[in-house]
Protein backbone atom coordinates (compact mmCIF):
# COMPACT_ATOMS: atom_id res chain seq x y z
CA UNK A 1 -51.14 -100.37 55.04
CA UNK A 2 -47.06 -100.61 53.49
CA UNK A 3 -44.65 -99.01 54.07
CA UNK A 4 -41.56 -97.60 52.61
CA UNK A 5 -38.58 -96.08 53.33
CA UNK A 6 -36.67 -94.13 50.77
CA UNK A 7 -33.04 -92.87 51.69
CA UNK A 8 -32.31 -89.68 49.44
CA UNK A 9 -28.38 -88.91 49.57
CA UNK A 10 -28.25 -86.12 47.21
CA UNK A 11 -25.32 -83.39 46.46
CA UNK A 12 -26.64 -80.56 49.19
CA UNK A 13 -28.96 -83.06 52.15
CA UNK A 14 -29.35 -85.93 52.39
CA UNK A 15 -32.88 -86.51 52.79
CA UNK A 16 -35.55 -89.75 53.61
CA UNK A 17 -39.08 -89.99 52.46
CA UNK A 18 -41.51 -92.52 53.95
CA UNK A 19 -43.64 -93.41 51.62
CA UNK A 20 -46.72 -95.45 51.35
CA UNK A 21 -47.63 -98.02 48.88
CA UNK A 22 -49.68 -95.87 47.01
CA UNK A 23 -47.09 -93.67 47.00
CA UNK A 24 -48.38 -90.88 49.00
CA UNK A 25 -45.62 -88.92 51.51
CA UNK A 26 -46.11 -90.02 54.42
CA UNK A 27 -43.49 -88.01 56.30
CA UNK A 28 -39.52 -86.97 55.64
CA UNK A 29 -36.61 -85.38 57.15
CA UNK A 30 -33.77 -83.48 55.68
CA UNK A 31 -30.03 -82.41 56.96
CA UNK A 32 -28.15 -79.87 54.66
CA UNK A 33 -24.05 -81.21 54.15
CA UNK A 34 -21.82 -79.17 53.48
CA UNK A 35 -19.48 -78.44 50.29
CA UNK A 36 -16.19 -77.47 50.13
CA UNK A 37 -14.35 -75.98 47.06
CA UNK A 38 -10.20 -75.89 48.42
CA UNK A 39 -8.75 -75.20 45.28
CA UNK A 40 -10.01 -73.59 41.73
CA UNK A 41 -12.02 -76.85 40.46
CA UNK A 42 -12.24 -78.76 43.24
CA UNK A 43 -15.24 -79.69 44.97
CA UNK A 44 -15.29 -82.68 47.70
CA UNK A 45 -17.41 -83.20 50.84
CA UNK A 46 -16.74 -85.43 53.86
CA UNK A 47 -18.19 -88.64 53.39
CA UNK A 48 -18.40 -89.47 57.67
CA UNK A 49 -20.81 -86.72 56.93
CA UNK A 50 -23.17 -88.26 54.22
CA UNK A 51 -23.08 -91.30 57.06
CA UNK A 52 -24.10 -89.37 59.61
CA UNK A 53 -27.57 -87.12 58.00
CA UNK A 54 -28.40 -89.95 55.92
CA UNK A 55 -28.94 -92.48 59.43
CA UNK A 56 -30.09 -89.26 60.96
CA UNK A 57 -33.15 -88.30 59.10
CA UNK A 58 -33.75 -91.91 58.49
CA UNK A 59 -34.34 -92.19 61.77
CA UNK A 60 -36.17 -89.06 61.79
CA UNK A 61 -38.81 -89.51 59.36
CA UNK A 62 -39.64 -92.80 60.72
CA UNK A 63 -40.78 -91.63 63.94
CA UNK A 64 -41.94 -87.97 62.25
CA UNK A 65 -44.79 -91.02 60.41
CA UNK A 66 -45.52 -92.46 63.76
CA UNK A 67 -44.27 -95.42 63.05
CA UNK A 68 -41.67 -98.21 64.75
CA UNK A 69 -38.55 -99.68 62.28
CA UNK A 70 -40.86 -102.64 62.47
CA UNK A 71 -43.81 -101.09 60.69
CA UNK A 72 -41.33 -100.63 57.34
CA UNK A 73 -41.37 -103.35 55.07
CA UNK A 74 -38.59 -102.03 52.23
CA UNK A 75 -35.50 -99.44 52.30
CA UNK A 76 -34.62 -97.87 48.63
CA UNK A 77 -31.85 -96.25 48.71
CA UNK A 78 -30.89 -93.58 46.05
CA UNK A 79 -27.71 -91.46 45.69
CA UNK A 80 -25.92 -88.91 43.84
CA UNK A 81 -23.92 -90.23 41.53
CA UNK A 82 -19.87 -90.49 40.03
CA UNK A 83 -18.71 -89.07 43.68
CA UNK A 84 -15.98 -90.85 44.60
CA UNK A 85 -14.78 -92.48 48.07
CA UNK A 86 -12.37 -94.84 49.35
CA UNK A 87 -12.51 -96.49 52.81
CA UNK A 88 -10.17 -98.75 54.57
CA UNK A 89 -11.93 -101.54 54.75
CA UNK A 90 -10.73 -102.85 58.55
CA UNK A 91 -11.59 -99.52 60.49
CA UNK A 92 -14.47 -98.25 58.14
CA UNK A 93 -12.91 -94.54 58.02
CA UNK A 94 -12.97 -92.60 54.89
CA UNK A 95 -8.91 -92.16 53.67
CA UNK A 96 -9.77 -89.12 51.97
CA UNK A 97 -12.59 -86.38 51.16
CA UNK A 98 -15.16 -87.51 48.71
CA UNK A 99 -14.61 -86.86 45.45
CA UNK A 100 -18.09 -84.51 44.07
CA UNK A 101 -19.41 -85.63 40.79
CA UNK A 102 -19.15 -81.65 40.09
CA UNK A 103 -14.76 -81.90 41.12
CA UNK A 104 -13.34 -81.33 37.38
CA UNK A 105 -9.36 -81.83 38.92
CA UNK A 106 -8.65 -84.90 36.61
CA UNK A 107 -9.35 -83.04 33.50
CA UNK A 108 -5.28 -83.19 32.58
CA UNK A 109 -5.82 -87.36 33.18
CA UNK A 110 -8.84 -87.36 30.83
CA UNK A 111 -6.92 -85.01 28.10
CA UNK A 112 -3.74 -87.46 28.10
CA UNK A 113 -6.45 -90.63 27.32
CA UNK A 114 -8.19 -88.43 24.64
CA UNK A 115 -5.42 -87.90 22.74
CA UNK A 116 -4.43 -91.29 23.48
CA UNK A 117 -6.71 -91.97 21.15
CA UNK A 118 -8.67 -93.96 24.06
CA UNK A 119 -12.19 -92.11 24.04
CA UNK A 120 -13.81 -94.21 21.26
CA UNK A 121 -12.99 -97.56 23.32
CA UNK A 122 -14.23 -95.88 26.63
CA UNK A 123 -17.21 -95.24 24.65
CA UNK A 124 -17.86 -98.56 22.82
CA UNK A 125 -17.45 -100.25 25.88
CA UNK A 126 -19.60 -97.68 28.50
CA UNK A 127 -21.22 -95.31 27.02
CA UNK A 128 -19.63 -92.41 28.62
CA UNK A 129 -16.55 -90.00 27.40
CA UNK A 130 -13.73 -89.44 29.50
CA UNK A 131 -14.59 -86.32 31.22
CA UNK A 132 -13.39 -85.75 34.50
CA UNK A 133 -17.31 -86.34 35.44
CA UNK A 134 -16.99 -89.71 36.09
CA UNK A 135 -15.55 -91.95 39.20
CA UNK A 136 -12.31 -94.13 37.24
CA UNK A 137 -10.49 -90.39 36.75
CA UNK A 138 -11.31 -89.67 41.09
CA UNK A 139 -10.30 -93.10 41.59
CA UNK A 140 -7.12 -92.97 39.71
CA UNK A 141 -6.08 -89.09 41.49
CA UNK A 142 -7.35 -90.73 44.61
CA UNK A 143 -4.62 -93.37 44.68
CA UNK A 144 -1.94 -91.26 42.91
CA UNK A 145 -2.15 -88.63 45.30
CA UNK A 146 -3.08 -90.20 48.71
CA UNK A 147 0.24 -91.68 50.76
CA UNK A 148 0.34 -95.89 50.43
CA UNK A 149 -3.34 -95.82 49.06
CA UNK A 150 -2.26 -97.80 45.60
CA UNK A 151 0.13 -100.16 47.96
CA UNK A 152 -2.98 -100.96 50.67
CA UNK A 153 -5.19 -101.25 47.87
CA UNK A 154 -3.35 -103.98 45.86
CA UNK A 155 -3.21 -105.52 48.96
CA UNK A 156 -7.11 -105.98 49.09
CA UNK A 157 -6.95 -103.16 52.40
CA UNK A 158 -9.50 -100.31 50.67
CA UNK A 159 -12.59 -99.96 49.18
CA UNK A 160 -14.04 -97.85 46.29
CA UNK A 161 -17.50 -97.10 46.26
CA UNK A 162 -19.78 -94.23 45.05
CA UNK A 163 -22.08 -93.05 47.52
CA UNK A 164 -24.57 -96.23 47.17
CA UNK A 165 -22.01 -98.92 48.31
CA UNK A 166 -20.48 -96.24 50.69
CA UNK A 167 -24.27 -96.22 52.92
CA UNK A 168 -25.15 -100.37 51.98
CA UNK A 169 -21.41 -100.54 53.42
CA UNK A 170 -22.39 -98.57 56.77
CA UNK A 171 -25.83 -99.80 56.35
CA UNK A 172 -25.05 -103.30 56.85
CA UNK A 173 -21.88 -102.53 59.22
CA UNK A 174 -19.64 -103.35 56.50
CA UNK A 175 -21.30 -107.01 55.19
CA UNK A 176 -21.73 -105.71 52.14
CA UNK A 177 -19.71 -103.95 49.49
CA UNK A 178 -21.25 -103.85 46.43
CA UNK A 179 -22.98 -101.09 44.42
CA UNK A 180 -25.80 -100.94 41.66
CA UNK A 181 -25.92 -101.88 37.86
CA UNK A 182 -26.98 -97.91 37.40
CA UNK A 183 -24.76 -96.07 39.78
CA UNK A 184 -21.66 -99.31 38.20
CA UNK A 185 -22.59 -97.82 35.00
CA UNK A 186 -21.56 -94.21 35.74
CA UNK A 187 -18.03 -95.29 36.86
CA UNK A 188 -16.38 -95.25 33.17
CA UNK A 189 -15.47 -99.07 34.25
CA UNK A 190 -18.40 -101.17 34.13
CA UNK A 191 -19.03 -102.86 30.61
CA UNK A 192 -22.57 -101.95 29.35
CA UNK A 193 -22.95 -104.85 27.53
CA UNK A 194 -21.35 -107.26 29.26
CA UNK A 195 -22.28 -105.58 33.25
CA UNK A 196 -19.48 -106.38 34.59
CA UNK A 197 -16.39 -104.97 35.25
CA UNK A 198 -14.14 -103.93 32.31
CA UNK A 199 -10.27 -106.02 32.14
CA UNK A 200 -9.58 -103.81 29.95
CA UNK A 201 -10.36 -100.64 31.10
CA UNK A 202 -8.61 -101.58 34.30
CA UNK A 203 -5.60 -102.16 33.24
CA UNK A 204 -5.84 -98.94 30.59
CA UNK A 205 -6.24 -96.60 33.72
CA UNK A 206 -4.33 -98.85 36.22
CA UNK A 207 -7.01 -99.57 38.79
CA UNK A 208 -6.70 -102.86 41.09
CA UNK A 209 -9.76 -105.55 41.36
CA UNK A 210 -9.31 -105.67 44.80
CA UNK A 211 -10.50 -102.10 45.27
CA UNK A 212 -14.26 -102.99 43.29
CA UNK A 213 -17.37 -103.34 45.22
CA UNK A 214 -19.89 -106.55 43.77
CA UNK A 215 -21.96 -105.34 40.53
CA UNK A 216 -25.91 -106.18 41.97
CA UNK A 217 -29.80 -105.19 40.24
CA UNK A 218 -31.30 -102.59 41.45
CA UNK A 219 -34.32 -104.40 42.91
CA UNK A 220 -34.54 -107.64 44.71
CA UNK A 221 -32.69 -107.91 48.24
CA UNK A 222 -29.11 -106.62 48.77
CA UNK A 223 -28.97 -106.87 52.74
CA UNK A 224 -30.37 -105.87 55.75
CA UNK A 225 -29.96 -103.11 57.73
CA UNK A 226 -27.56 -104.16 61.24
CA UNK A 227 -28.25 -104.37 64.05
CA UNK A 228 -29.04 -101.28 66.23
CA UNK A 229 -28.96 -98.87 63.59
CA UNK A 230 -33.63 -98.71 63.41
CA UNK A 231 -34.48 -100.56 66.47
CA UNK A 232 -35.19 -103.94 63.92
CA UNK A 233 -33.27 -105.75 60.44
CA UNK A 234 -34.91 -103.63 57.51
CA UNK A 235 -34.19 -105.10 54.12
CA UNK A 236 -32.32 -103.40 51.37
CA UNK A 237 -33.90 -103.51 48.35
CA UNK A 238 -33.15 -100.94 46.21
CA UNK A 239 -30.95 -98.79 45.41
CA UNK A 240 -30.31 -96.62 42.16
CA UNK A 241 -28.45 -93.63 41.28
CA UNK A 242 -30.81 -90.59 41.45
CA UNK A 243 -31.42 -89.89 37.71
CA UNK A 244 -32.52 -93.65 37.08
CA UNK A 245 -34.33 -93.57 39.94
CA UNK A 246 -36.21 -90.87 38.90
CA UNK A 247 -37.03 -91.70 35.32
CA UNK A 248 -38.33 -95.18 37.86
CA UNK A 249 -40.48 -92.91 39.98
CA UNK A 250 -41.49 -90.92 36.56
CA UNK A 251 -43.18 -94.63 34.96
CA UNK A 252 -40.73 -94.10 32.21
CA UNK A 253 -41.39 -97.90 32.09
CA UNK A 254 -41.61 -98.19 27.81
CA UNK A 255 -39.23 -96.82 25.16
CA UNK A 256 -38.95 -93.13 24.20
CA UNK A 257 -40.87 -92.53 27.82
CA UNK A 258 -38.74 -89.50 28.92
CA UNK A 259 -37.94 -87.01 32.22
CA UNK A 260 -36.20 -84.40 33.16
CA UNK A 261 -34.96 -82.46 36.77
CA UNK A 262 -33.78 -79.85 38.44
CA UNK A 263 -31.62 -80.02 40.60
CA UNK A 264 -29.16 -78.58 41.19
CA UNK A 265 -28.06 -79.24 37.70
CA UNK A 266 -30.28 -80.63 35.01
CA UNK A 267 -30.81 -84.49 34.19
CA UNK A 268 -32.26 -85.26 30.99
CA UNK A 269 -33.54 -89.44 30.71
CA UNK A 270 -35.15 -91.06 27.87
CA UNK A 271 -35.80 -95.05 28.33
CA UNK A 272 -34.15 -96.78 25.24
CA UNK A 273 -35.62 -100.32 26.42
CA UNK A 274 -33.15 -103.09 26.40
CA UNK A 275 -30.84 -102.55 24.01
CA UNK A 276 -27.95 -100.24 24.48
CA UNK A 277 -28.04 -96.93 22.46
CA UNK A 278 -24.82 -95.53 22.07
CA UNK A 279 -25.23 -91.64 20.92
CA UNK A 280 -23.99 -90.47 17.99
CA UNK A 281 -24.87 -86.30 19.33
CA UNK A 282 -23.15 -85.94 21.97
CA UNK A 283 -25.32 -87.60 24.90
CA UNK A 284 -24.49 -90.49 27.58
CA UNK A 285 -25.64 -94.11 27.57
CA UNK A 286 -26.57 -95.20 31.03
CA UNK A 287 -27.95 -98.37 32.55
CA UNK A 288 -31.56 -97.82 33.53
CA UNK A 289 -32.24 -99.78 36.19
CA UNK A 290 -32.25 -104.15 36.33
CA UNK A 291 -35.42 -104.99 38.30
CA UNK A 292 -35.56 -108.94 40.22
CA UNK A 293 -36.78 -110.20 37.64
CA UNK A 294 -33.52 -109.37 35.34
CA UNK A 295 -35.07 -107.36 33.27
CA UNK A 296 -32.94 -104.34 31.86
CA UNK A 297 -33.11 -101.10 30.47
CA UNK A 298 -31.20 -98.92 29.39
CA UNK A 299 -31.45 -95.01 28.57
CA UNK A 300 -29.69 -92.15 26.77
CA UNK A 301 -29.17 -89.16 29.04
CA UNK A 302 -27.81 -85.40 28.89
CA UNK A 303 -26.41 -83.77 32.14
CA UNK A 304 -26.61 -80.09 32.34
CA UNK A 305 -24.01 -79.35 35.01
CA UNK A 306 -25.57 -75.58 36.67
CA UNK A 307 -29.21 -74.89 36.71
CA UNK A 308 -31.15 -74.76 40.59
CA UNK A 309 -27.20 -74.04 41.18
CA UNK A 310 -27.51 -71.21 38.92
CA UNK A 311 -30.41 -69.35 41.16
CA UNK A 312 -27.95 -70.62 44.29
CA UNK A 313 -25.63 -67.88 42.07
CA UNK A 314 -27.34 -65.43 42.39
CA UNK A 315 -28.20 -65.85 46.10
CA UNK A 316 -24.94 -66.19 47.45
CA UNK A 317 -22.82 -65.28 44.41
CA UNK A 318 -24.19 -61.76 43.50
CA UNK A 319 -26.87 -61.23 46.85
CA UNK A 320 -29.96 -60.18 44.27
CA UNK A 321 -31.99 -62.55 45.88
CA UNK A 322 -32.56 -63.89 49.62
CA UNK A 323 -34.29 -67.00 49.30
CA UNK A 324 -34.08 -69.12 46.26
CA UNK A 325 -37.93 -69.55 46.33
CA UNK A 326 -37.81 -65.13 45.33
CA UNK A 327 -36.40 -65.54 41.57
CA UNK A 328 -39.72 -66.27 39.97
CA UNK A 329 -41.15 -63.15 41.55
CA UNK A 330 -38.02 -61.53 40.98
CA UNK A 331 -38.01 -62.63 37.25
CA UNK A 332 -41.75 -61.62 36.77
CA UNK A 333 -41.11 -58.28 36.74
CA UNK A 334 -40.37 -57.57 33.80
CA UNK A 335 -41.98 -58.86 30.33
CA UNK A 336 -38.90 -60.72 29.07
CA UNK A 337 -35.09 -60.19 29.03
CA UNK A 338 -34.57 -57.41 26.84
CA UNK A 339 -32.33 -59.49 25.03
CA UNK A 340 -29.57 -59.77 27.71
CA UNK A 341 -28.63 -64.06 28.03
CA UNK A 342 -26.34 -65.47 30.63
CA UNK A 343 -24.39 -69.26 29.77
CA UNK A 344 -24.09 -70.21 32.91
CA UNK A 345 -20.98 -72.59 32.35
CA UNK A 346 -18.91 -71.56 35.70
CA UNK A 347 -18.02 -75.49 35.88
CA UNK A 348 -17.97 -75.75 31.52
CA UNK A 349 -20.62 -76.92 29.54
CA UNK A 350 -21.93 -80.09 29.66
CA UNK A 351 -23.60 -81.87 27.61
CA UNK A 352 -23.90 -81.85 24.39
CA UNK A 353 -21.09 -79.53 24.09
CA UNK A 354 -18.28 -81.37 26.93
CA UNK A 355 -16.85 -77.71 27.07
CA UNK A 356 -14.82 -78.31 30.30
CA UNK A 357 -12.84 -74.78 29.33
CA UNK A 358 -15.56 -72.75 28.40
CA UNK A 359 -16.75 -70.26 31.08
CA UNK A 360 -19.87 -67.81 32.20
CA UNK A 361 -20.55 -64.94 30.64
CA UNK A 362 -23.82 -62.98 30.73
CA UNK A 363 -24.33 -61.23 27.35
CA UNK A 364 -26.39 -58.53 25.80
CA UNK A 365 -26.65 -56.07 28.77
CA UNK A 366 -27.28 -51.71 28.64
CA UNK A 367 -27.06 -49.46 30.78
CA UNK A 368 -31.33 -50.80 31.03
CA UNK A 369 -30.00 -53.96 32.48
CA UNK A 370 -31.26 -54.57 36.10
CA UNK A 371 -31.43 -57.62 38.31
CA UNK A 372 -34.93 -58.19 37.36
CA UNK A 373 -33.48 -59.41 33.87
CA UNK A 374 -30.83 -60.96 34.61
CA UNK A 375 -33.04 -62.97 36.82
CA UNK A 376 -34.81 -63.97 34.08
CA UNK A 377 -32.10 -64.92 31.95
CA UNK A 378 -30.92 -67.42 34.68
CA UNK A 379 -34.33 -69.14 35.24
CA UNK A 380 -34.55 -68.59 30.95
CA UNK A 381 -30.46 -70.47 31.08
CA UNK A 382 -32.35 -73.53 32.76
CA UNK A 383 -34.76 -74.13 29.94
CA UNK A 384 -32.09 -73.10 27.26
CA UNK A 385 -29.65 -76.19 28.22
CA UNK A 386 -32.75 -78.30 28.37
CA UNK A 387 -33.61 -78.04 24.85
CA UNK A 388 -29.97 -78.44 23.89
CA UNK A 389 -30.27 -82.03 25.04
CA UNK A 390 -33.79 -82.48 23.79
CA UNK A 391 -32.15 -81.27 20.21
CA UNK A 392 -29.34 -84.11 20.67
CA UNK A 393 -31.80 -86.84 21.70
CA UNK A 394 -34.37 -86.03 19.59
CA UNK A 395 -31.97 -87.13 16.42
CA UNK A 396 -30.86 -90.76 18.91
CA UNK A 397 -33.91 -91.22 19.43
CA UNK A 398 -35.84 -93.66 16.76
CA UNK A 399 -39.16 -91.43 17.21
CA UNK A 400 -39.93 -87.98 17.94
CA UNK A 401 -40.66 -86.98 21.27
CA UNK A 402 -44.20 -85.98 22.83
CA UNK A 403 -44.04 -84.93 26.15
CA UNK A 404 -41.90 -84.32 28.74
CA UNK A 405 -42.31 -85.26 32.33
CA UNK A 406 -40.81 -82.98 35.01
CA UNK A 407 -39.12 -83.04 38.16
CA UNK A 408 -37.05 -81.87 41.23
CA UNK A 409 -37.21 -78.13 42.99
CA UNK A 410 -37.25 -75.66 39.71
CA UNK A 411 -39.88 -77.79 38.29
CA UNK A 412 -42.15 -75.97 40.72
CA UNK A 413 -41.08 -72.86 38.71
CA UNK A 414 -44.49 -72.22 37.14
CA UNK A 415 -42.59 -69.40 34.66
CA UNK A 416 -40.10 -71.57 33.93
CA UNK A 417 -41.60 -74.93 32.96
CA UNK A 418 -44.02 -72.40 30.39
CA UNK A 419 -40.80 -71.53 29.09
CA UNK A 420 -39.52 -75.39 28.80
CA UNK A 421 -42.77 -76.28 27.12
CA UNK A 422 -42.30 -73.10 24.41
CA UNK A 423 -38.84 -73.68 24.01
CA UNK A 424 -39.26 -77.24 23.26
CA UNK A 425 -42.53 -77.83 21.59
CA UNK A 426 -44.07 -80.34 23.37
CA UNK A 427 -46.21 -80.90 26.38
CA UNK A 428 -44.96 -79.96 29.95
CA UNK A 429 -46.03 -82.62 32.60
CA UNK A 430 -45.34 -82.18 36.29
CA UNK A 431 -46.49 -84.88 38.48
CA UNK A 432 -48.63 -84.56 42.01
CA UNK A 433 -45.69 -86.45 44.02
CA UNK A 434 -42.20 -84.23 42.32
CA UNK A 435 -40.30 -85.89 44.90
CA UNK A 436 -39.52 -88.93 42.54
CA UNK A 437 -35.78 -90.15 43.09
CA UNK A 438 -36.69 -90.34 46.08
CA UNK A 439 -40.41 -92.02 44.73
CA UNK A 440 -38.28 -94.22 42.75
CA UNK A 441 -36.01 -95.81 45.16
CA UNK A 442 -40.05 -96.63 47.00
CA UNK A 443 -41.33 -97.99 44.72
CA UNK A 444 -37.89 -100.42 43.42
CA UNK A 445 -37.85 -101.28 46.40
CA UNK A 446 -41.07 -102.28 47.06
CA UNK A 447 -40.43 -104.41 43.59
CA UNK A 448 -38.06 -105.93 45.31
CA UNK A 449 -39.81 -106.85 48.13
CA UNK A 450 -42.53 -108.57 46.59
CA UNK A 451 -45.03 -105.82 47.50
CA UNK A 452 -46.01 -104.48 43.68
CA UNK A 453 -45.66 -107.80 41.42
CA UNK A 454 -44.80 -105.63 38.23
CA UNK A 455 -44.45 -102.23 36.71
CA UNK A 456 -47.26 -102.50 35.24
CA UNK A 457 -48.79 -102.17 38.43
CA UNK A 458 -46.78 -99.40 38.92
CA UNK A 459 -47.48 -97.46 36.25
CA UNK A 460 -51.12 -96.19 37.62
CA UNK A 461 -49.40 -94.72 40.76
CA UNK A 462 -48.09 -91.83 38.66
CA UNK A 463 -50.62 -88.90 38.92
CA UNK A 464 -50.56 -85.53 36.73
CA UNK A 465 -50.59 -81.96 38.81
CA UNK A 466 -50.43 -79.52 35.32
CA UNK A 467 -49.71 -79.97 32.36
CA UNK A 468 -47.60 -76.92 30.24
CA UNK A 469 -48.44 -76.40 26.62
CA UNK A 470 -46.18 -74.46 24.45
CA UNK A 471 -47.80 -71.41 23.57
CA UNK A 472 -44.59 -70.10 21.25
CA UNK A 473 -44.91 -69.30 18.18
CA UNK A 474 -41.92 -71.37 15.96
CA UNK A 475 -40.64 -67.22 14.57
CA UNK A 476 -40.18 -66.23 18.07
CA UNK A 477 -38.80 -69.85 19.34
CA UNK A 478 -36.20 -69.74 16.44
CA UNK A 479 -35.02 -66.44 17.70
CA UNK A 480 -34.41 -67.20 21.22
CA UNK A 481 -32.64 -70.48 20.65
CA UNK A 482 -30.25 -68.87 18.00
CA UNK A 483 -29.56 -65.19 20.00
CA UNK A 484 -28.85 -68.53 23.13
CA UNK A 485 -26.71 -69.98 20.61
CA UNK A 486 -24.95 -67.29 20.15
CA UNK A 487 -23.94 -66.64 23.57
CA UNK A 488 -22.91 -69.90 24.04
CA UNK A 489 -20.35 -70.14 20.83
CA UNK A 490 -18.93 -66.68 22.84
CA UNK A 491 -18.70 -68.75 26.32
CA UNK A 492 -16.91 -71.46 24.46
CA UNK A 493 -14.28 -68.79 22.24
């Protein structure tokens, strides 16, 4: 039996999962990590904590699986995307906290570039929008606000990276300063068509090229773990952004296949094949992966900022549930929301609205409204946001979506998945292995190490756990969506 180790560095935790070559989980380990919000709209993390928790769970997972380092054939890495780190090349120390993808401090910078007319150029080159979500603005902010950072960057003393770059630097003890193509496509700096850093954008944003890592394929030998970390030098043969990894782990290898991940946010990706497809409907174009044989796939993506985070708000902000898993039980106490709609625009609205000024709102409340209605409205808000993204994606896609594959924590919520199928009008498919982000990293690592010969070999590893068929009639569906869109209009105004 061959074993693969997936390192999954997410927004709220660092995880490591050992898979066998059939895609089965052998053991896992997880540690929560701290998010800090020092100012309104700011979201930060300690980059050293990201590294220390990740290497800690890697060691723990191998031990829990009853294996030794020599039993691990290869390591695949997947990570929260867009989160931005700058560190000193000599000391390996970050010069500031990591700025997390959710951070909105660069909204004015983005708006100034938009007003200057640069967004069409940026979208044509990168497939992205001028939004605080992406890495370039965060990088510029660090260069402009950390003393002497720009001067040090110009002298080549500093290194920039997303979380994959930071972890790969530490795993190789500074031997490799790289970024995989899928993560590079989220920076606002990589040209999607050439798959290289774009000089025109670097000049526009005033970013020194000396800061940037080397762009490498998602699969293939990146390097080896340094001596003393895991017991032996293990090949690092894959790195992907978390959502691209989930698309890969869901075996969405063919054009037109799509998945939605229900995590802190919601992320729907559709494989658009070997050609870049620029959205006409407020979606993002992104690089899905480049396999070791140089085959490149692109994707359309719709990003929803608040999904599982809504349930965390019910728990930590309103204190109406003790544990996130209690929300389905609470919501099932009532047959419907009784007209209550929750628009979770706590950090603005993502696709297809891209409205950073929108704010959260609960509408339709009466004296009869209770916590059960609010809990149900919170779950339904997740599904409504996904439906908006799918509608936009259907307008961009060449053919209708016939199914949606789902994963992530909230995909285990049967009530939510059924409501999602009802709203979309297409079957929702939940796989046996829901850790598809980590699975995608492991499978790409197996491909990169030559354990698997092609993606066709991987397709047979995907297994269905449950299929949710739509059962809502079209009139009821239209009524639900109309009420949701009225509430969104109020939140935006």
